[in-house]
Amino acid sequence: MAADRLITSVEARDMLRRVYRSDGEINLEEVLRRGTSDPIKPVTENGRMRPNTSIVVGAVVALLLIAAFVYFSFGARG
């Protein structure tokens, strides 16, 4: 692959498949779990995953925004 051009999406997918196939330690599920877990204490005392606080707060804010949109769009007509 030449360094003076951009790669296509097909080439990127092929390279990712080669990387994930060659290394048995890399697991996409484990990478996603590690990315969404709490960076300070990723596991609770019971061994369960503790979610990242910023992801939880973002999800709550998004839920509140959706609820306000639905309420003011459909619920406040009475």
Protein backbone atom coordinates (compact mmCIF):
# COMPACT_ATOMS: atom_id res chain seq x y z
CA MET A 1 0.00 0.00 0.00
CA ALA A 2 1.41 3.35 -1.02
CA ALA A 3 1.75 6.03 1.65
CA ASP A 4 0.73 8.87 -0.66
CA ARG A 5 -2.95 7.94 -1.01
CA LEU A 6 -5.94 7.42 1.24
CA ILE A 7 -7.24 3.92 1.83
CA THR A 8 -10.75 2.83 0.89
CA SER A 9 -13.31 1.48 3.31
CA VAL A 10 -12.87 -2.02 1.87
CA GLU A 11 -9.12 -1.88 2.51
CA ALA A 12 -9.74 -0.63 6.06
CA ARG A 13 -12.15 -3.50 6.74
CA ASP A 14 -9.67 -6.02 5.36
CA MET A 15 -6.88 -4.62 7.53
CA LEU A 16 -9.10 -4.73 10.63
CA ARG A 17 -10.06 -8.33 9.88
CA ARG A 18 -6.40 -9.27 9.54
CA VAL A 19 -5.53 -7.60 12.85
CA TYR A 20 -8.39 -9.22 14.75
CA ARG A 21 -7.76 -12.60 13.13
CA SER A 22 -4.02 -12.61 13.82
CA ASP A 23 -4.17 -11.75 17.52
CA GLY A 24 -6.24 -14.08 19.67
CA GLU A 25 -6.14 -11.69 22.60
CA ILE A 26 -8.01 -8.91 20.78
CA ASN A 27 -11.77 -9.32 21.07
CA LEU A 28 -14.16 -6.65 19.79
CA GLU A 29 -16.63 -7.31 22.62
CA GLU A 30 -13.88 -6.92 25.21
CA VAL A 31 -12.64 -3.71 23.57
CA LEU A 32 -16.16 -2.20 23.65
CA ARG A 33 -16.69 -3.33 27.24
CA ARG A 34 -13.38 -1.77 28.28
CA GLY A 35 -14.22 1.45 26.45
CA THR A 36 -17.59 1.86 28.16
CA SER A 37 -16.48 0.83 31.65
CA ASP A 38 -15.51 3.18 34.46
CA PRO A 39 -11.85 4.18 34.06
CA ILE A 40 -11.19 4.41 37.80
CA LYS A 41 -12.88 1.24 39.06
CA PRO A 42 -14.14 -0.82 36.09
CA VAL A 43 -15.41 -3.79 38.14
CA THR A 44 -17.63 -3.82 41.24
CA GLU A 45 -17.03 -5.96 44.30
CA ASN A 46 -19.37 -8.59 42.83
CA GLY A 47 -17.37 -8.76 39.60
CA ARG A 48 -19.89 -6.90 37.44
CA MET A 49 -18.96 -4.12 35.02
CA ARG A 50 -19.39 -0.57 36.27
CA PRO A 51 -20.45 1.77 33.43
CA ASN A 52 -18.63 4.99 32.69
CA THR A 53 -20.24 7.91 34.55
CA SER A 54 -20.16 10.26 31.57
CA ILE A 55 -22.00 7.70 29.43
CA VAL A 56 -24.68 7.28 32.11
CA VAL A 57 -25.11 11.04 32.52
CA GLY A 58 -25.27 11.50 28.75
CA ALA A 59 -27.93 8.80 28.45
CA VAL A 60 -30.02 10.39 31.23
CA VAL A 61 -29.79 13.83 29.61
CA ALA A 62 -30.75 12.37 26.23
CA LEU A 63 -33.75 10.61 27.81
CA LEU A 64 -34.86 13.84 29.48
CA LEU A 65 -34.55 15.74 26.20
CA ILE A 66 -36.59 13.09 24.36
CA ALA A 67 -39.22 13.09 27.11
CA ALA A 68 -39.50 16.90 27.00
CA PHE A 69 -39.82 16.82 23.21
CA VAL A 70 -42.56 14.19 23.34
CA TYR A 71 -44.41 16.01 26.13
CA PHE A 72 -44.38 19.38 24.42
CA SER A 73 -45.09 17.92 20.98
CA PHE A 74 -47.93 15.54 21.84
CA GLY A 75 -48.81 15.68 25.54
CA ALA A 76 -49.45 19.37 26.14
CA ARG A 77 -52.46 19.65 23.81
CA GLY A 78 -55.11 19.36 26.46
